[in-house]
Amino acid sequence: MLPFCNRWLKWAFIEAAWVAVGCSDYFGTFYKRHRARGKGANEAITITARRMAKITWKMLTEQRDYSKVPVVTKPLSPAALVSD
């Protein structure tokens, strides 16, 4: 997220991301994919929160309702599966 953002809004999206990871297949898969790429838990959840913020912004600017999208999983490269 941007360094000069509203810290309370950032906090709210990060807290919501922790819940979404456990409740939503889309966000759970998104989070796990970043963890598999070697990101730490805090960095991966921040990336997930940013995705949620982008989705929220698009919904607000386009004045449309949320619609579930099926989870599209891309296979990870063999290099991403090797742990240090």
N, C-alpha and C. Protein backbone atom coordinates (compact mmCIF):
# COMPACT_ATOMS: atom_id res chain seq x y z
N MET A 1 0.83 -1.17 0.00
CA MET A 1 0.00 0.00 0.00
C MET A 1 0.88 1.24 0.00
N LEU A 2 0.27 2.34 -0.35
CA LEU A 2 1.02 3.58 -0.43
C LEU A 2 1.52 4.00 0.95
N PRO A 3 2.70 4.61 1.01
CA PRO A 3 3.22 5.02 2.31
C PRO A 3 2.43 6.17 2.93
N PHE A 4 1.74 6.98 2.11
CA PHE A 4 1.00 8.12 2.62
C PHE A 4 -0.51 7.86 2.55
N CYS A 5 -0.93 6.72 3.04
CA CYS A 5 -2.34 6.39 3.01
C CYS A 5 -2.93 6.55 4.41
N ASN A 6 -4.23 6.42 4.48
CA ASN A 6 -4.91 6.48 5.76
C ASN A 6 -4.55 5.22 6.55
N ARG A 7 -3.88 5.37 7.67
CA ARG A 7 -3.39 4.20 8.40
C ARG A 7 -4.53 3.35 8.96
N TRP A 8 -5.66 3.96 9.28
CA TRP A 8 -6.79 3.20 9.82
C TRP A 8 -7.47 2.39 8.72
N LEU A 9 -7.53 2.95 7.54
CA LEU A 9 -8.10 2.21 6.41
C LEU A 9 -7.19 1.05 6.03
N LYS A 10 -5.88 1.30 6.04
CA LYS A 10 -4.91 0.23 5.77
C LYS A 10 -5.06 -0.89 6.80
N TRP A 11 -5.17 -0.51 8.07
CA TRP A 11 -5.34 -1.49 9.14
C TRP A 11 -6.62 -2.31 8.92
N ALA A 12 -7.70 -1.63 8.54
CA ALA A 12 -8.98 -2.32 8.32
C ALA A 12 -8.88 -3.32 7.17
N PHE A 13 -8.22 -2.94 6.09
CA PHE A 13 -8.08 -3.87 4.96
C PHE A 13 -7.20 -5.06 5.33
N ILE A 14 -6.15 -4.84 6.11
CA ILE A 14 -5.29 -5.95 6.52
C ILE A 14 -6.05 -6.90 7.44
N GLU A 15 -6.81 -6.37 8.38
CA GLU A 15 -7.62 -7.23 9.25
C GLU A 15 -8.66 -8.00 8.44
N ALA A 16 -9.29 -7.33 7.48
CA ALA A 16 -10.27 -7.99 6.62
C ALA A 16 -9.61 -9.07 5.76
N ALA A 17 -8.37 -8.82 5.35
CA ALA A 17 -7.66 -9.81 4.53
C ALA A 17 -7.39 -11.09 5.31
N TRP A 18 -7.06 -10.96 6.61
CA TRP A 18 -6.85 -12.17 7.42
C TRP A 18 -8.11 -13.01 7.47
N VAL A 19 -9.26 -12.37 7.59
CA VAL A 19 -10.53 -13.10 7.62
C VAL A 19 -10.82 -13.69 6.25
N ALA A 20 -10.62 -12.90 5.20
CA ALA A 20 -10.92 -13.35 3.83
C ALA A 20 -10.08 -14.55 3.42
N VAL A 21 -8.84 -14.60 3.89
CA VAL A 21 -7.96 -15.73 3.56
C VAL A 21 -8.56 -17.04 4.07
N GLY A 22 -9.20 -16.99 5.23
CA GLY A 22 -9.80 -18.20 5.80
C GLY A 22 -11.19 -18.52 5.28
N CYS A 23 -11.88 -17.52 4.75
CA CYS A 23 -13.28 -17.71 4.35
C CYS A 23 -13.50 -17.77 2.84
N SER A 24 -12.60 -17.22 2.06
CA SER A 24 -12.79 -17.11 0.62
C SER A 24 -11.77 -17.96 -0.12
N ASP A 25 -12.24 -18.77 -1.05
CA ASP A 25 -11.32 -19.57 -1.87
C ASP A 25 -10.40 -18.67 -2.69
N TYR A 26 -10.96 -17.60 -3.23
CA TYR A 26 -10.18 -16.69 -4.07
C TYR A 26 -9.03 -16.07 -3.29
N PHE A 27 -9.34 -15.45 -2.16
CA PHE A 27 -8.30 -14.78 -1.38
C PHE A 27 -7.37 -15.78 -0.69
N GLY A 28 -7.90 -16.94 -0.30
CA GLY A 28 -7.06 -17.97 0.29
C GLY A 28 -6.02 -18.48 -0.70
N THR A 29 -6.45 -18.72 -1.92
CA THR A 29 -5.53 -19.17 -2.97
C THR A 29 -4.53 -18.07 -3.31
N PHE A 30 -5.00 -16.84 -3.38
CA PHE A 30 -4.14 -15.70 -3.68
C PHE A 30 -3.04 -15.58 -2.62
N TYR A 31 -3.43 -15.66 -1.35
CA TYR A 31 -2.47 -15.57 -0.24
C TYR A 31 -1.47 -16.73 -0.29
N LYS A 32 -1.96 -17.95 -0.47
CA LYS A 32 -1.08 -19.13 -0.49
C LYS A 32 -0.10 -19.08 -1.66
N ARG A 33 -0.54 -18.53 -2.79
CA ARG A 33 0.34 -18.42 -3.95
C ARG A 33 1.52 -17.49 -3.64
N HIS A 34 1.25 -16.40 -2.94
CA HIS A 34 2.34 -15.49 -2.58
C HIS A 34 3.24 -16.09 -1.50
N ARG A 35 2.68 -16.84 -0.59
CA ARG A 35 3.50 -17.53 0.42
C ARG A 35 4.41 -18.56 -0.26
N ALA A 36 3.88 -19.27 -1.28
CA ALA A 36 4.67 -20.26 -1.99
C ALA A 36 5.80 -19.60 -2.79
N ARG A 37 5.61 -18.34 -3.15
CA ARG A 37 6.65 -17.61 -3.87
C ARG A 37 7.74 -17.10 -2.94
N GLY A 38 7.61 -17.38 -1.64
CA GLY A 38 8.65 -17.01 -0.69
C GLY A 38 8.38 -15.75 0.10
N LYS A 39 7.20 -15.19 -0.03
CA LYS A 39 6.84 -14.00 0.74
C LYS A 39 6.52 -14.41 2.17
N GLY A 40 6.85 -13.56 3.10
CA GLY A 40 6.51 -13.80 4.50
C GLY A 40 5.02 -13.61 4.70
N ALA A 41 4.52 -14.04 5.86
CA ALA A 41 3.08 -13.95 6.14
C ALA A 41 2.59 -12.51 6.11
N ASN A 42 3.34 -11.60 6.72
CA ASN A 42 2.90 -10.20 6.76
C ASN A 42 2.92 -9.56 5.38
N GLU A 43 3.92 -9.86 4.59
CA GLU A 43 4.00 -9.30 3.25
C GLU A 43 2.90 -9.87 2.36
N ALA A 44 2.65 -11.17 2.47
CA ALA A 44 1.60 -11.81 1.67
C ALA A 44 0.22 -11.28 2.04
N ILE A 45 -0.02 -11.03 3.32
CA ILE A 45 -1.34 -10.52 3.72
C ILE A 45 -1.49 -9.06 3.29
N THR A 46 -0.40 -8.31 3.26
CA THR A 46 -0.46 -6.94 2.77
C THR A 46 -0.77 -6.90 1.28
N ILE A 47 -0.20 -7.82 0.52
CA ILE A 47 -0.49 -7.94 -0.91
C ILE A 47 -1.96 -8.31 -1.11
N THR A 48 -2.46 -9.20 -0.27
CA THR A 48 -3.87 -9.59 -0.34
C THR A 48 -4.78 -8.42 0.01
N ALA A 49 -4.42 -7.65 1.02
CA ALA A 49 -5.21 -6.47 1.41
C ALA A 49 -5.22 -5.45 0.28
N ARG A 50 -4.11 -5.30 -0.38
CA ARG A 50 -4.05 -4.36 -1.51
C ARG A 50 -4.98 -4.82 -2.64
N ARG A 51 -5.02 -6.12 -2.90
CA ARG A 51 -5.93 -6.65 -3.92
C ARG A 51 -7.38 -6.36 -3.52
N MET A 52 -7.70 -6.54 -2.25
CA MET A 52 -9.05 -6.23 -1.77
C MET A 52 -9.37 -4.74 -1.95
N ALA A 53 -8.39 -3.88 -1.69
CA ALA A 53 -8.59 -2.44 -1.85
C ALA A 53 -8.82 -2.08 -3.31
N LYS A 54 -8.09 -2.73 -4.22
CA LYS A 54 -8.28 -2.48 -5.65
C LYS A 54 -9.67 -2.90 -6.10
N ILE A 55 -10.12 -4.06 -5.62
CA ILE A 55 -11.46 -4.55 -5.97
C ILE A 55 -12.51 -3.59 -5.44
N THR A 56 -12.33 -3.14 -4.20
CA THR A 56 -13.27 -2.20 -3.59
C THR A 56 -13.32 -0.90 -4.37
N TRP A 57 -12.16 -0.38 -4.75
CA TRP A 57 -12.10 0.88 -5.51
C TRP A 57 -12.83 0.74 -6.85
N LYS A 58 -12.59 -0.37 -7.55
CA LYS A 58 -13.25 -0.59 -8.84
C LYS A 58 -14.76 -0.66 -8.67
N MET A 59 -15.22 -1.36 -7.62
CA MET A 59 -16.66 -1.47 -7.38
C MET A 59 -17.27 -0.09 -7.12
N LEU A 60 -16.58 0.73 -6.34
CA LEU A 60 -17.10 2.05 -6.00
C LEU A 60 -17.10 2.99 -7.21
N THR A 61 -16.01 2.99 -7.98
CA THR A 61 -15.92 3.91 -9.11
C THR A 61 -16.83 3.51 -10.26
N GLU A 62 -17.05 2.21 -10.43
CA GLU A 62 -17.93 1.74 -11.51
C GLU A 62 -19.37 1.54 -11.04
N GLN A 63 -19.63 1.79 -9.76
CA GLN A 63 -20.96 1.67 -9.16
C GLN A 63 -21.62 0.32 -9.50
N ARG A 64 -20.93 -0.74 -9.16
CA ARG A 64 -21.47 -2.07 -9.43
C ARG A 64 -21.36 -2.94 -8.19
N ASP A 65 -22.11 -4.03 -8.19
CA ASP A 65 -22.13 -4.95 -7.07
C ASP A 65 -20.97 -5.94 -7.20
N TYR A 66 -20.62 -6.52 -6.05
CA TYR A 66 -19.58 -7.55 -6.04
C TYR A 66 -20.12 -8.83 -6.67
N SER A 67 -19.32 -9.45 -7.49
CA SER A 67 -19.70 -10.75 -8.06
C SER A 67 -18.51 -11.70 -7.90
N LYS A 68 -18.81 -12.90 -7.45
CA LYS A 68 -17.75 -13.89 -7.26
C LYS A 68 -17.18 -14.32 -8.60
N VAL A 69 -15.88 -14.47 -8.64
CA VAL A 69 -15.20 -14.93 -9.84
C VAL A 69 -14.55 -16.26 -9.50
N PRO A 70 -14.63 -17.25 -10.40
CA PRO A 70 -14.01 -18.53 -10.09
C PRO A 70 -12.49 -18.38 -9.92
N VAL A 71 -11.94 -19.22 -9.07
CA VAL A 71 -10.50 -19.18 -8.80
C VAL A 71 -9.76 -19.77 -9.98
N VAL A 72 -8.81 -19.00 -10.51
CA VAL A 72 -7.95 -19.46 -11.59
C VAL A 72 -6.57 -19.67 -11.01
N THR A 73 -6.13 -20.90 -11.01
CA THR A 73 -4.81 -21.18 -10.44
C THR A 73 -3.81 -21.40 -11.56
N LYS A 74 -2.71 -20.67 -11.47
CA LYS A 74 -1.63 -20.86 -12.42
C LYS A 74 -0.62 -21.78 -11.75
N PRO A 75 -0.09 -22.73 -12.51
CA PRO A 75 0.93 -23.60 -11.89
C PRO A 75 2.18 -22.80 -11.54
N LEU A 76 2.75 -23.10 -10.40
CA LEU A 76 3.96 -22.44 -9.98
C LEU A 76 5.15 -23.02 -10.73
N SER A 77 6.13 -22.19 -10.96
CA SER A 77 7.34 -22.68 -11.62
C SER A 77 8.12 -23.56 -10.65
N PRO A 78 8.90 -24.50 -11.15
CA PRO A 78 9.68 -25.35 -10.24
C PRO A 78 10.60 -24.55 -9.31
N ALA A 79 11.08 -23.40 -9.77
CA ALA A 79 11.96 -22.58 -8.94
C ALA A 79 11.21 -22.03 -7.72
N ALA A 80 9.91 -21.77 -7.87
CA ALA A 80 9.12 -21.24 -6.76
C ALA A 80 8.85 -22.30 -5.69
N LEU A 81 8.91 -23.56 -6.08
CA LEU A 81 8.63 -24.64 -5.14
C LEU A 81 9.85 -25.05 -4.32
N VAL A 82 11.05 -24.65 -4.75
CA VAL A 82 12.27 -24.98 -4.04
C VAL A 82 12.44 -24.00 -2.89
N SER A 83 12.54 -24.53 -1.68
CA SER A 83 12.73 -23.65 -0.52
C SER A 83 14.20 -23.59 -0.17
N ASP A 84 14.59 -22.43 0.34
CA ASP A 84 16.01 -22.20 0.67
C ASP A 84 16.39 -22.90 1.94
